[in-house]
Amino acid sequence: MKSAEGLVILGFGGHARSVAAVALASGTTSLLFVDENAKEGEAFLGFPAIRRLDGAIDSGWSCMPAAGDNLLRQKQVAFAEANGWPLATVVANDATIHFDAVLGPGCFVGHHAHVGPSAQVAKGCIINTGAIVEHESVVGEFSHVSVNAVVAGRSRLGSLVFLGAGATVIDSVSIAGHITIGAGATVVEALVVPGTYAGCPARRIS
């Protein structure tokens, strides 16, 4: 993780808590959760959750969008940027980020994930626990590669793509933006129409 004294985590759901655990293990010393649905007095690992935070954050602090939902995470990034808050990139210590791979601001890379050589992961993405984004692949802004999902080499995901748990995109396949791939599905050819796809091979279901 790019070191910071403290981290403002936008959200207080399950993914926000995963971000918190990885950030603490990576050297962050202080956390503050911000979630409009937080209840008074709520906390996680001793760090408080508040409903709203406006204006500047303290020097040495950065911000992490932590909604699992792609559209909500996009809004979180816009809110942080409107407030001038620097975006963090949170990477688990046991993740593998190879050579000239690029991670954009506001990205999360979970435990045992792998980002291969020359891969590009754009702003606000989640590469979740055990996920693989192989060599020369591109993951567009605010996309989510779920736990144990695989993006094989030279593949391309557009923006706001959700790749479900255990799903596979075979090598050199492109997926357009705003597409959801169901858990365990296998994508074997280019997908260009927004919607939800499932099965092996993946077919549009809605």
N, C-alpha and C. Protein backbone atom coordinates (compact mmCIF):
# COMPACT_ATOMS: atom_id res chain seq x y z
N MET A 1 0.83 -1.20 0.00
CA MET A 1 0.00 0.00 0.00
C MET A 1 0.86 1.25 0.00
N LYS A 2 0.45 2.26 -0.71
CA LYS A 2 1.11 3.55 -0.63
C LYS A 2 0.89 4.09 0.79
N SER A 3 1.96 4.30 1.51
CA SER A 3 1.86 4.57 2.93
C SER A 3 1.12 5.87 3.22
N ALA A 4 0.35 5.85 4.29
CA ALA A 4 -0.35 7.03 4.75
C ALA A 4 -0.53 6.89 6.25
N GLU A 5 -0.53 8.00 6.95
CA GLU A 5 -0.73 7.94 8.40
C GLU A 5 -2.12 7.44 8.73
N GLY A 6 -3.11 7.92 7.99
CA GLY A 6 -4.48 7.54 8.25
C GLY A 6 -5.27 7.39 6.97
N LEU A 7 -6.39 6.69 7.08
CA LEU A 7 -7.19 6.39 5.90
C LEU A 7 -8.66 6.62 6.21
N VAL A 8 -9.29 7.48 5.41
CA VAL A 8 -10.74 7.65 5.45
C VAL A 8 -11.34 6.60 4.51
N ILE A 9 -12.17 5.73 5.05
CA ILE A 9 -12.79 4.67 4.26
C ILE A 9 -14.24 5.03 4.02
N LEU A 10 -14.61 5.21 2.76
CA LEU A 10 -15.98 5.56 2.42
C LEU A 10 -16.80 4.29 2.31
N GLY A 11 -17.69 4.10 3.27
CA GLY A 11 -18.49 2.89 3.38
C GLY A 11 -18.22 2.19 4.70
N PHE A 12 -19.17 1.33 5.09
CA PHE A 12 -19.02 0.58 6.34
C PHE A 12 -19.59 -0.83 6.21
N GLY A 13 -19.67 -1.30 4.96
CA GLY A 13 -20.16 -2.65 4.72
C GLY A 13 -19.03 -3.66 4.73
N GLY A 14 -19.32 -4.84 4.17
CA GLY A 14 -18.36 -5.91 4.19
C GLY A 14 -17.06 -5.59 3.47
N HIS A 15 -17.16 -4.99 2.29
CA HIS A 15 -15.93 -4.68 1.56
C HIS A 15 -15.12 -3.61 2.29
N ALA A 16 -15.79 -2.64 2.90
CA ALA A 16 -15.08 -1.62 3.67
C ALA A 16 -14.27 -2.25 4.80
N ARG A 17 -14.80 -3.29 5.41
CA ARG A 17 -14.08 -3.95 6.51
C ARG A 17 -12.91 -4.76 5.98
N SER A 18 -13.06 -5.31 4.78
CA SER A 18 -11.91 -5.99 4.15
C SER A 18 -10.80 -4.99 3.85
N VAL A 19 -11.19 -3.83 3.32
CA VAL A 19 -10.21 -2.77 3.06
C VAL A 19 -9.50 -2.38 4.35
N ALA A 20 -10.27 -2.23 5.42
CA ALA A 20 -9.69 -1.84 6.70
C ALA A 20 -8.66 -2.84 7.18
N ALA A 21 -8.99 -4.13 7.11
CA ALA A 21 -8.08 -5.16 7.59
C ALA A 21 -6.78 -5.17 6.80
N VAL A 22 -6.88 -5.04 5.47
CA VAL A 22 -5.68 -5.02 4.63
C VAL A 22 -4.86 -3.76 4.90
N ALA A 23 -5.52 -2.62 5.03
CA ALA A 23 -4.81 -1.36 5.28
C ALA A 23 -4.02 -1.43 6.59
N LEU A 24 -4.64 -1.93 7.63
CA LEU A 24 -3.95 -2.02 8.92
C LEU A 24 -2.75 -2.96 8.84
N ALA A 25 -2.92 -4.10 8.15
CA ALA A 25 -1.82 -5.05 8.01
C ALA A 25 -0.69 -4.47 7.17
N SER A 26 -1.01 -3.46 6.35
CA SER A 26 -0.01 -2.86 5.46
C SER A 26 0.64 -1.62 6.06
N GLY A 27 0.30 -1.27 7.29
CA GLY A 27 0.99 -0.18 7.96
C GLY A 27 0.20 1.07 8.27
N THR A 28 -1.04 1.15 7.82
CA THR A 28 -1.87 2.30 8.19
C THR A 28 -2.15 2.27 9.69
N THR A 29 -2.08 3.41 10.33
CA THR A 29 -2.20 3.44 11.79
C THR A 29 -3.57 3.91 12.29
N SER A 30 -4.30 4.65 11.46
CA SER A 30 -5.59 5.19 11.90
C SER A 30 -6.61 5.08 10.77
N LEU A 31 -7.85 4.79 11.16
CA LEU A 31 -8.94 4.66 10.20
C LEU A 31 -10.13 5.48 10.65
N LEU A 32 -10.89 5.96 9.69
CA LEU A 32 -12.18 6.59 9.95
C LEU A 32 -13.14 6.16 8.84
N PHE A 33 -14.24 5.52 9.23
CA PHE A 33 -15.26 5.11 8.27
C PHE A 33 -16.29 6.22 8.13
N VAL A 34 -16.74 6.44 6.89
CA VAL A 34 -17.79 7.43 6.63
C VAL A 34 -18.88 6.74 5.83
N ASP A 35 -20.07 6.66 6.43
CA ASP A 35 -21.20 5.98 5.79
C ASP A 35 -22.48 6.61 6.30
N GLU A 36 -23.30 7.10 5.37
CA GLU A 36 -24.52 7.80 5.79
C GLU A 36 -25.48 6.91 6.56
N ASN A 37 -25.31 5.60 6.46
CA ASN A 37 -26.18 4.67 7.19
C ASN A 37 -25.57 4.17 8.49
N ALA A 38 -24.42 4.69 8.87
CA ALA A 38 -23.79 4.26 10.12
C ALA A 38 -24.66 4.65 11.31
N LYS A 39 -24.68 3.76 12.29
CA LYS A 39 -25.42 4.04 13.51
C LYS A 39 -24.51 4.71 14.54
N GLU A 40 -25.11 5.51 15.39
CA GLU A 40 -24.34 6.23 16.39
C GLU A 40 -23.54 5.25 17.26
N GLY A 41 -22.26 5.53 17.39
CA GLY A 41 -21.41 4.70 18.23
C GLY A 41 -20.82 3.47 17.56
N GLU A 42 -21.16 3.25 16.27
CA GLU A 42 -20.62 2.08 15.59
C GLU A 42 -19.12 2.22 15.36
N ALA A 43 -18.44 1.07 15.38
CA ALA A 43 -17.00 1.06 15.15
C ALA A 43 -16.61 -0.32 14.64
N PHE A 44 -15.42 -0.40 14.05
CA PHE A 44 -14.86 -1.68 13.61
C PHE A 44 -13.39 -1.69 13.98
N LEU A 45 -12.97 -2.72 14.69
CA LEU A 45 -11.60 -2.84 15.18
C LEU A 45 -11.18 -1.62 15.99
N GLY A 46 -12.17 -1.02 16.65
CA GLY A 46 -11.90 0.14 17.48
C GLY A 46 -11.89 1.47 16.76
N PHE A 47 -12.14 1.47 15.47
CA PHE A 47 -12.13 2.71 14.69
C PHE A 47 -13.57 3.13 14.38
N PRO A 48 -13.89 4.41 14.57
CA PRO A 48 -15.29 4.85 14.51
C PRO A 48 -15.83 4.97 13.09
N ALA A 49 -17.16 4.88 13.01
CA ALA A 49 -17.89 5.16 11.78
C ALA A 49 -18.77 6.37 12.02
N ILE A 50 -18.70 7.35 11.11
CA ILE A 50 -19.54 8.53 11.21
C ILE A 50 -20.38 8.65 9.94
N ARG A 51 -21.41 9.48 10.00
CA ARG A 51 -22.34 9.57 8.88
C ARG A 51 -21.88 10.51 7.78
N ARG A 52 -21.11 11.52 8.13
CA ARG A 52 -20.74 12.51 7.11
C ARG A 52 -19.42 13.17 7.48
N LEU A 53 -18.66 13.50 6.46
CA LEU A 53 -17.40 14.22 6.63
C LEU A 53 -17.25 15.15 5.44
N ASP A 54 -17.10 16.43 5.70
CA ASP A 54 -16.94 17.42 4.64
C ASP A 54 -15.66 18.21 4.87
N GLY A 55 -15.21 18.86 3.82
CA GLY A 55 -14.04 19.71 3.92
C GLY A 55 -12.74 18.92 3.85
N ALA A 56 -11.66 19.56 4.25
CA ALA A 56 -10.34 18.96 4.14
C ALA A 56 -10.16 17.85 5.17
N ILE A 57 -9.32 16.87 4.81
CA ILE A 57 -8.91 15.86 5.79
C ILE A 57 -7.48 16.19 6.23
N ASP A 58 -7.06 15.60 7.34
CA ASP A 58 -5.78 15.95 7.92
C ASP A 58 -4.61 15.60 7.00
N SER A 59 -3.55 16.35 7.12
CA SER A 59 -2.33 16.06 6.39
C SER A 59 -1.84 14.66 6.73
N GLY A 60 -1.40 13.92 5.70
CA GLY A 60 -0.96 12.54 5.91
C GLY A 60 -2.05 11.52 5.78
N TRP A 61 -3.30 11.98 5.62
CA TRP A 61 -4.42 11.07 5.44
C TRP A 61 -4.78 10.99 3.95
N SER A 62 -5.37 9.87 3.57
CA SER A 62 -5.90 9.71 2.23
C SER A 62 -7.25 9.02 2.33
N CYS A 63 -7.88 8.80 1.19
CA CYS A 63 -9.26 8.32 1.17
C CYS A 63 -9.37 7.08 0.29
N MET A 64 -10.22 6.15 0.72
CA MET A 64 -10.42 4.92 -0.05
C MET A 64 -11.91 4.68 -0.28
N PRO A 65 -12.36 4.65 -1.54
CA PRO A 65 -13.75 4.26 -1.82
C PRO A 65 -13.91 2.78 -1.55
N ALA A 66 -14.91 2.39 -0.77
CA ALA A 66 -14.97 1.00 -0.33
C ALA A 66 -16.37 0.39 -0.46
N ALA A 67 -17.10 0.80 -1.48
CA ALA A 67 -18.37 0.15 -1.79
C ALA A 67 -18.10 -0.99 -2.76
N GLY A 68 -18.69 -2.15 -2.50
CA GLY A 68 -18.56 -3.25 -3.44
C GLY A 68 -19.31 -3.00 -4.74
N ASP A 69 -20.37 -2.21 -4.68
CA ASP A 69 -21.17 -1.86 -5.85
C ASP A 69 -20.41 -0.86 -6.71
N ASN A 70 -20.28 -1.15 -8.00
CA ASN A 70 -19.46 -0.31 -8.87
C ASN A 70 -19.96 1.12 -8.99
N LEU A 71 -21.27 1.29 -9.20
CA LEU A 71 -21.81 2.64 -9.37
C LEU A 71 -21.66 3.46 -8.10
N LEU A 72 -21.88 2.84 -6.95
CA LEU A 72 -21.72 3.56 -5.69
C LEU A 72 -20.26 3.92 -5.46
N ARG A 73 -19.35 3.03 -5.82
CA ARG A 73 -17.93 3.34 -5.67
C ARG A 73 -17.54 4.49 -6.58
N GLN A 74 -18.09 4.54 -7.77
CA GLN A 74 -17.84 5.67 -8.68
C GLN A 74 -18.28 6.99 -8.03
N LYS A 75 -19.44 6.97 -7.38
CA LYS A 75 -19.92 8.17 -6.69
C LYS A 75 -19.02 8.54 -5.52
N GLN A 76 -18.51 7.53 -4.82
CA GLN A 76 -17.60 7.81 -3.71
C GLN A 76 -16.32 8.50 -4.19
N VAL A 77 -15.80 8.04 -5.31
CA VAL A 77 -14.60 8.67 -5.86
C VAL A 77 -14.89 10.12 -6.26
N ALA A 78 -16.04 10.34 -6.90
CA ALA A 78 -16.40 11.70 -7.29
C ALA A 78 -16.52 12.61 -6.06
N PHE A 79 -17.09 12.09 -4.98
CA PHE A 79 -17.22 12.86 -3.74
C PHE A 79 -15.85 13.20 -3.17
N ALA A 80 -14.96 12.21 -3.14
CA ALA A 80 -13.61 12.45 -2.62
C ALA A 80 -12.88 13.49 -3.45
N GLU A 81 -12.99 13.36 -4.76
CA GLU A 81 -12.30 14.30 -5.64
C GLU A 81 -12.87 15.71 -5.51
N ALA A 82 -14.19 15.81 -5.33
CA ALA A 82 -14.80 17.13 -5.17
C ALA A 82 -14.32 17.81 -3.89
N ASN A 83 -13.96 17.01 -2.89
CA ASN A 83 -13.46 17.55 -1.63
C ASN A 83 -11.94 17.72 -1.62
N GLY A 84 -11.29 17.30 -2.70
CA GLY A 84 -9.85 17.42 -2.77
C GLY A 84 -9.10 16.41 -1.95
N TRP A 85 -9.74 15.28 -1.63
CA TRP A 85 -9.08 14.25 -0.83
C TRP A 85 -8.24 13.35 -1.72
N PRO A 86 -6.98 13.11 -1.39
CA PRO A 86 -6.16 12.19 -2.19
C PRO A 86 -6.67 10.76 -2.06
N LEU A 87 -6.69 10.05 -3.18
CA LEU A 87 -7.14 8.68 -3.19
C LEU A 87 -5.99 7.73 -2.88
N ALA A 88 -6.23 6.78 -2.01
CA ALA A 88 -5.24 5.76 -1.69
C ALA A 88 -5.35 4.60 -2.67
N THR A 89 -4.32 3.77 -2.69
CA THR A 89 -4.35 2.47 -3.36
C THR A 89 -3.95 1.45 -2.31
N VAL A 90 -4.84 0.52 -2.02
CA VAL A 90 -4.63 -0.43 -0.92
C VAL A 90 -4.35 -1.81 -1.50
N VAL A 91 -3.19 -2.36 -1.17
CA VAL A 91 -2.75 -3.64 -1.72
C VAL A 91 -2.33 -4.55 -0.58
N ALA A 92 -2.87 -5.76 -0.53
CA ALA A 92 -2.49 -6.71 0.50
C ALA A 92 -1.03 -7.10 0.37
N ASN A 93 -0.38 -7.33 1.49
CA ASN A 93 1.04 -7.67 1.49
C ASN A 93 1.33 -8.96 0.73
N ASP A 94 0.37 -9.88 0.69
CA ASP A 94 0.61 -11.15 0.01
C ASP A 94 0.06 -11.17 -1.42
N ALA A 95 -0.39 -10.04 -1.92
CA ALA A 95 -0.75 -9.93 -3.33
C ALA A 95 0.53 -9.80 -4.17
N THR A 96 0.41 -10.12 -5.45
CA THR A 96 1.55 -10.03 -6.37
C THR A 96 1.25 -8.99 -7.44
N ILE A 97 2.05 -7.95 -7.48
CA ILE A 97 1.93 -6.91 -8.50
C ILE A 97 3.23 -6.96 -9.31
N HIS A 98 3.16 -7.38 -10.56
CA HIS A 98 4.36 -7.66 -11.32
C HIS A 98 4.88 -6.46 -12.11
N PHE A 99 6.19 -6.36 -12.17
CA PHE A 99 6.96 -5.51 -13.06
C PHE A 99 6.25 -4.19 -13.37
N ASP A 100 5.90 -3.95 -14.64
CA ASP A 100 5.37 -2.65 -15.01
C ASP A 100 3.84 -2.63 -15.00
N ALA A 101 3.22 -3.46 -14.17
CA ALA A 101 1.77 -3.36 -13.98
C ALA A 101 1.44 -2.00 -13.37
N VAL A 102 0.27 -1.47 -13.74
CA VAL A 102 -0.16 -0.14 -13.28
C VAL A 102 -1.47 -0.26 -12.53
N LEU A 103 -1.51 0.31 -11.33
CA LEU A 103 -2.74 0.40 -10.54
C LEU A 103 -3.15 1.86 -10.42
N GLY A 104 -4.39 2.17 -10.79
CA GLY A 104 -4.87 3.53 -10.67
C GLY A 104 -5.20 3.89 -9.23
N PRO A 105 -5.44 5.17 -8.96
CA PRO A 105 -5.82 5.60 -7.61
C PRO A 105 -7.16 5.01 -7.20
N GLY A 106 -7.30 4.79 -5.91
CA GLY A 106 -8.57 4.27 -5.39
C GLY A 106 -8.79 2.80 -5.66
N CYS A 107 -7.73 2.05 -5.99
CA CYS A 107 -7.87 0.61 -6.25
C CYS A 107 -7.61 -0.19 -4.98
N PHE A 108 -8.25 -1.34 -4.92
CA PHE A 108 -8.02 -2.31 -3.85
C PHE A 108 -7.61 -3.63 -4.46
N VAL A 109 -6.52 -4.21 -3.95
CA VAL A 109 -6.05 -5.52 -4.38
C VAL A 109 -5.98 -6.41 -3.14
N GLY A 110 -6.79 -7.47 -3.11
CA GLY A 110 -6.95 -8.28 -1.92
C GLY A 110 -5.90 -9.36 -1.76
N HIS A 111 -6.05 -10.12 -0.68
CA HIS A 111 -5.10 -11.18 -0.34
C HIS A 111 -4.96 -12.19 -1.47
N HIS A 112 -3.71 -12.54 -1.76
CA HIS A 112 -3.36 -13.58 -2.73
C HIS A 112 -3.82 -13.25 -4.16
N ALA A 113 -4.17 -12.02 -4.42
CA ALA A 113 -4.49 -11.62 -5.79
C ALA A 113 -3.20 -11.47 -6.60
N HIS A 114 -3.36 -11.50 -7.90
CA HIS A 114 -2.20 -11.44 -8.81
C HIS A 114 -2.53 -10.49 -9.95
N VAL A 115 -1.65 -9.50 -10.15
CA VAL A 115 -1.75 -8.59 -11.29
C VAL A 115 -0.47 -8.77 -12.09
N GLY A 116 -0.60 -9.29 -13.31
CA GLY A 116 0.55 -9.72 -14.09
C GLY A 116 1.30 -8.60 -14.78
N PRO A 117 2.43 -8.96 -15.41
CA PRO A 117 3.26 -7.96 -16.08
C PRO A 117 2.50 -7.16 -17.12
N SER A 118 2.70 -5.85 -17.10
CA SER A 118 2.12 -4.91 -18.06
C SER A 118 0.60 -4.82 -18.00
N ALA A 119 -0.01 -5.41 -16.99
CA ALA A 119 -1.46 -5.24 -16.82
C ALA A 119 -1.75 -3.81 -16.37
N GLN A 120 -2.95 -3.32 -16.71
CA GLN A 120 -3.36 -1.98 -16.34
C GLN A 120 -4.72 -2.05 -15.64
N VAL A 121 -4.77 -1.55 -14.43
CA VAL A 121 -6.00 -1.53 -13.65
C VAL A 121 -6.34 -0.06 -13.38
N ALA A 122 -7.46 0.38 -13.88
CA ALA A 122 -7.79 1.80 -13.84
C ALA A 122 -8.35 2.22 -12.48
N LYS A 123 -8.69 3.48 -12.38
CA LYS A 123 -9.14 4.09 -11.13
C LYS A 123 -10.35 3.38 -10.53
N GLY A 124 -10.32 3.23 -9.20
CA GLY A 124 -11.50 2.79 -8.46
C GLY A 124 -11.87 1.34 -8.64
N CYS A 125 -10.93 0.50 -9.03
CA CYS A 125 -11.24 -0.92 -9.26
C CYS A 125 -11.01 -1.77 -8.01
N ILE A 126 -11.66 -2.92 -7.99
CA ILE A 126 -11.43 -3.94 -6.97
C ILE A 126 -10.89 -5.18 -7.66
N ILE A 127 -9.73 -5.64 -7.24
CA ILE A 127 -9.20 -6.94 -7.62
C ILE A 127 -9.22 -7.75 -6.34
N ASN A 128 -10.24 -8.54 -6.16
CA ASN A 128 -10.55 -9.09 -4.85
C ASN A 128 -9.71 -10.32 -4.51
N THR A 129 -9.98 -10.88 -3.36
CA THR A 129 -9.19 -11.98 -2.82
C THR A 129 -9.01 -13.11 -3.83
N GLY A 130 -7.76 -13.47 -4.10
CA GLY A 130 -7.46 -14.58 -4.98
C GLY A 130 -7.72 -14.35 -6.45
N ALA A 131 -8.10 -13.13 -6.84
CA ALA A 131 -8.38 -12.85 -8.25
C ALA A 131 -7.09 -12.73 -9.05
N ILE A 132 -7.19 -12.99 -10.35
CA ILE A 132 -6.04 -12.92 -11.24
C ILE A 132 -6.36 -11.99 -12.41
N VAL A 133 -5.49 -11.02 -12.63
CA VAL A 133 -5.53 -10.18 -13.83
C VAL A 133 -4.19 -10.38 -14.50
N GLU A 134 -4.17 -11.16 -15.56
CA GLU A 134 -2.90 -11.59 -16.11
C GLU A 134 -2.27 -10.56 -17.05
N HIS A 135 -1.13 -10.94 -17.58
CA HIS A 135 -0.25 -10.07 -18.34
C HIS A 135 -0.98 -9.32 -19.46
N GLU A 136 -0.70 -8.02 -19.53
CA GLU A 136 -1.16 -7.14 -20.61
C GLU A 136 -2.68 -6.97 -20.67
N SER A 137 -3.36 -7.39 -19.63
CA SER A 137 -4.81 -7.17 -19.57
C SER A 137 -5.10 -5.75 -19.10
N VAL A 138 -6.30 -5.28 -19.41
CA VAL A 138 -6.75 -3.95 -19.01
C VAL A 138 -8.08 -4.08 -18.30
N VAL A 139 -8.19 -3.46 -17.14
CA VAL A 139 -9.44 -3.43 -16.37
C VAL A 139 -9.87 -1.97 -16.28
N GLY A 140 -11.05 -1.66 -16.82
CA GLY A 140 -11.52 -0.29 -16.89
C GLY A 140 -11.99 0.26 -15.55
N GLU A 141 -12.19 1.56 -15.50
CA GLU A 141 -12.54 2.26 -14.26
C GLU A 141 -13.77 1.65 -13.57
N PHE A 142 -13.66 1.55 -12.25
CA PHE A 142 -14.76 1.16 -11.36
C PHE A 142 -15.28 -0.25 -11.65
N SER A 143 -14.40 -1.10 -12.16
CA SER A 143 -14.78 -2.50 -12.35
C SER A 143 -14.38 -3.31 -11.13
N HIS A 144 -14.98 -4.50 -11.02
CA HIS A 144 -14.77 -5.37 -9.85
C HIS A 144 -14.51 -6.78 -10.34
N VAL A 145 -13.30 -7.26 -10.12
CA VAL A 145 -12.94 -8.65 -10.40
C VAL A 145 -13.06 -9.39 -9.08
N SER A 146 -14.09 -10.19 -8.95
CA SER A 146 -14.45 -10.78 -7.65
C SER A 146 -13.51 -11.89 -7.23
N VAL A 147 -13.77 -12.43 -6.06
CA VAL A 147 -12.90 -13.45 -5.47
C VAL A 147 -12.73 -14.63 -6.42
N ASN A 148 -11.46 -15.01 -6.61
CA ASN A 148 -11.07 -16.16 -7.42
C ASN A 148 -11.47 -16.07 -8.90
N ALA A 149 -11.83 -14.89 -9.37
CA ALA A 149 -12.11 -14.71 -10.79
C ALA A 149 -10.79 -14.54 -11.55
N VAL A 150 -10.83 -14.86 -12.84
CA VAL A 150 -9.62 -14.84 -13.67
C VAL A 150 -9.85 -14.01 -14.93
N VAL A 151 -8.98 -13.05 -15.15
CA VAL A 151 -8.93 -12.31 -16.41
C VAL A 151 -7.62 -12.74 -17.08
N ALA A 152 -7.71 -13.58 -18.09
CA ALA A 152 -6.52 -14.14 -18.71
C ALA A 152 -5.80 -13.08 -19.54
N GLY A 153 -4.60 -13.42 -19.98
CA GLY A 153 -3.71 -12.46 -20.62
C GLY A 153 -4.31 -11.77 -21.83
N ARG A 154 -4.00 -10.49 -21.95
CA ARG A 154 -4.37 -9.63 -23.07
C ARG A 154 -5.88 -9.44 -23.21
N SER A 155 -6.62 -9.67 -22.15
CA SER A 155 -8.06 -9.40 -22.17
C SER A 155 -8.33 -7.96 -21.76
N ARG A 156 -9.54 -7.49 -22.06
CA ARG A 156 -9.89 -6.11 -21.74
C ARG A 156 -11.30 -6.07 -21.15
N LEU A 157 -11.41 -5.45 -19.98
CA LEU A 157 -12.71 -5.17 -19.38
C LEU A 157 -12.97 -3.69 -19.48
N GLY A 158 -14.17 -3.31 -19.88
CA GLY A 158 -14.54 -1.91 -19.92
C GLY A 158 -14.81 -1.37 -18.52
N SER A 159 -15.35 -0.18 -18.45
CA SER A 159 -15.65 0.43 -17.16
C SER A 159 -16.93 -0.16 -16.58
N LEU A 160 -16.99 -0.18 -15.25
CA LEU A 160 -18.17 -0.62 -14.52
C LEU A 160 -18.57 -2.06 -14.88
N VAL A 161 -17.58 -2.91 -15.07
CA VAL A 161 -17.82 -4.34 -15.28
C VAL A 161 -17.76 -5.05 -13.93
N PHE A 162 -18.67 -5.98 -13.72
CA PHE A 162 -18.62 -6.83 -12.53
C PHE A 162 -18.41 -8.26 -12.97
N LEU A 163 -17.28 -8.82 -12.57
CA LEU A 163 -16.94 -10.20 -12.90
C LEU A 163 -17.14 -11.03 -11.64
N GLY A 164 -18.15 -11.90 -11.64
CA GLY A 164 -18.56 -12.61 -10.44
C GLY A 164 -17.53 -13.60 -9.93
N ALA A 165 -17.75 -14.07 -8.71
CA ALA A 165 -16.82 -14.97 -8.05
C ALA A 165 -16.56 -16.21 -8.90
N GLY A 166 -15.29 -16.51 -9.10
CA GLY A 166 -14.91 -17.70 -9.83
C GLY A 166 -15.13 -17.65 -11.33
N ALA A 167 -15.53 -16.53 -11.86
CA ALA A 167 -15.73 -16.41 -13.32
C ALA A 167 -14.38 -16.32 -14.02
N THR A 168 -14.39 -16.68 -15.31
CA THR A 168 -13.16 -16.69 -16.10
C THR A 168 -13.39 -15.97 -17.42
N VAL A 169 -12.47 -15.10 -17.77
CA VAL A 169 -12.42 -14.49 -19.10
C VAL A 169 -11.19 -15.08 -19.78
N ILE A 170 -11.39 -15.83 -20.86
CA ILE A 170 -10.24 -16.46 -21.49
C ILE A 170 -9.37 -15.41 -22.18
N ASP A 171 -8.20 -15.83 -22.63
CA ASP A 171 -7.20 -14.89 -23.13
C ASP A 171 -7.69 -14.12 -24.36
N SER A 172 -7.30 -12.85 -24.39
CA SER A 172 -7.52 -11.95 -25.53
C SER A 172 -8.99 -11.68 -25.84
N VAL A 173 -9.85 -11.74 -24.83
CA VAL A 173 -11.28 -11.46 -25.00
C VAL A 173 -11.61 -10.09 -24.41
N SER A 174 -12.49 -9.35 -25.07
CA SER A 174 -12.90 -8.03 -24.61
C SER A 174 -14.34 -8.05 -24.10
N ILE A 175 -14.57 -7.31 -23.03
CA ILE A 175 -15.91 -7.15 -22.46
C ILE A 175 -16.19 -5.65 -22.39
N ALA A 176 -17.30 -5.23 -22.98
CA ALA A 176 -17.66 -3.82 -22.97
C ALA A 176 -18.08 -3.38 -21.58
N GLY A 177 -18.22 -2.06 -21.42
CA GLY A 177 -18.62 -1.52 -20.13
C GLY A 177 -20.03 -1.87 -19.73
N HIS A 178 -20.31 -1.76 -18.43
CA HIS A 178 -21.64 -1.95 -17.86
C HIS A 178 -22.17 -3.38 -18.09
N ILE A 179 -21.29 -4.34 -17.96
CA ILE A 179 -21.68 -5.75 -18.10
C ILE A 179 -21.40 -6.47 -16.80
N THR A 180 -22.33 -7.33 -16.40
CA THR A 180 -22.19 -8.19 -15.23
C THR A 180 -22.03 -9.63 -15.69
N ILE A 181 -21.00 -10.29 -15.18
CA ILE A 181 -20.75 -11.69 -15.47
C ILE A 181 -21.03 -12.49 -14.21
N GLY A 182 -21.93 -13.46 -14.30
CA GLY A 182 -22.33 -14.23 -13.14
C GLY A 182 -21.22 -15.10 -12.59
N ALA A 183 -21.36 -15.49 -11.33
CA ALA A 183 -20.38 -16.34 -10.67
C ALA A 183 -20.18 -17.63 -11.44
N GLY A 184 -18.93 -18.01 -11.62
CA GLY A 184 -18.60 -19.26 -12.26
C GLY A 184 -18.73 -19.28 -13.77
N ALA A 185 -19.13 -18.19 -14.39
CA ALA A 185 -19.30 -18.14 -15.84
C ALA A 185 -17.94 -18.13 -16.54
N THR A 186 -17.97 -18.54 -17.82
CA THR A 186 -16.75 -18.50 -18.64
C THR A 186 -17.03 -17.69 -19.89
N VAL A 187 -16.27 -16.64 -20.07
CA VAL A 187 -16.43 -15.75 -21.23
C VAL A 187 -15.41 -16.17 -22.29
N VAL A 188 -15.91 -16.62 -23.45
CA VAL A 188 -15.02 -17.16 -24.48
C VAL A 188 -15.01 -16.32 -25.75
N GLU A 189 -15.85 -15.28 -25.80
CA GLU A 189 -15.88 -14.40 -26.97
C GLU A 189 -16.24 -13.00 -26.52
N ALA A 190 -16.00 -12.03 -27.38
CA ALA A 190 -16.24 -10.64 -27.02
C ALA A 190 -17.71 -10.41 -26.67
N LEU A 191 -17.95 -9.61 -25.63
CA LEU A 191 -19.29 -9.21 -25.22
C LEU A 191 -19.41 -7.71 -25.41
N VAL A 192 -20.40 -7.27 -26.17
CA VAL A 192 -20.50 -5.85 -26.51
C VAL A 192 -21.80 -5.21 -26.06
N VAL A 193 -22.81 -5.99 -25.72
CA VAL A 193 -24.11 -5.44 -25.32
C VAL A 193 -24.20 -5.43 -23.80
N PRO A 194 -24.44 -4.25 -23.19
CA PRO A 194 -24.58 -4.21 -21.74
C PRO A 194 -25.69 -5.15 -21.26
N GLY A 195 -25.48 -5.70 -20.06
CA GLY A 195 -26.46 -6.61 -19.49
C GLY A 195 -25.79 -7.59 -18.56
N THR A 196 -26.52 -8.66 -18.24
CA THR A 196 -26.02 -9.69 -17.35
C THR A 196 -25.85 -10.99 -18.13
N TYR A 197 -24.70 -11.62 -17.93
CA TYR A 197 -24.35 -12.84 -18.66
C TYR A 197 -24.04 -13.93 -17.65
N ALA A 198 -24.38 -15.18 -18.01
CA ALA A 198 -24.10 -16.30 -17.13
C ALA A 198 -23.88 -17.55 -17.97
N GLY A 199 -23.27 -18.57 -17.34
CA GLY A 199 -23.13 -19.86 -17.99
C GLY A 199 -21.75 -20.09 -18.58
N CYS A 200 -21.59 -21.29 -19.13
CA CYS A 200 -20.34 -21.72 -19.75
C CYS A 200 -20.64 -22.34 -21.11
N PRO A 201 -20.48 -21.60 -22.20
CA PRO A 201 -19.97 -20.22 -22.26
C PRO A 201 -21.02 -19.21 -21.83
N ALA A 202 -20.56 -18.02 -21.47
CA ALA A 202 -21.47 -16.99 -20.97
C ALA A 202 -22.42 -16.52 -22.06
N ARG A 203 -23.70 -16.44 -21.72
CA ARG A 203 -24.74 -15.95 -22.61
C ARG A 203 -25.57 -14.89 -21.87
N ARG A 204 -26.09 -13.92 -22.62
CA ARG A 204 -26.89 -12.85 -22.01
C ARG A 204 -28.21 -13.38 -21.49
N ILE A 205 -28.51 -13.05 -20.22
CA ILE A 205 -29.76 -13.50 -19.61
C ILE A 205 -30.68 -12.34 -19.27
N SER A 206 -30.16 -11.13 -19.28
CA SER A 206 -31.02 -9.96 -19.03
C SER A 206 -30.31 -8.69 -19.51
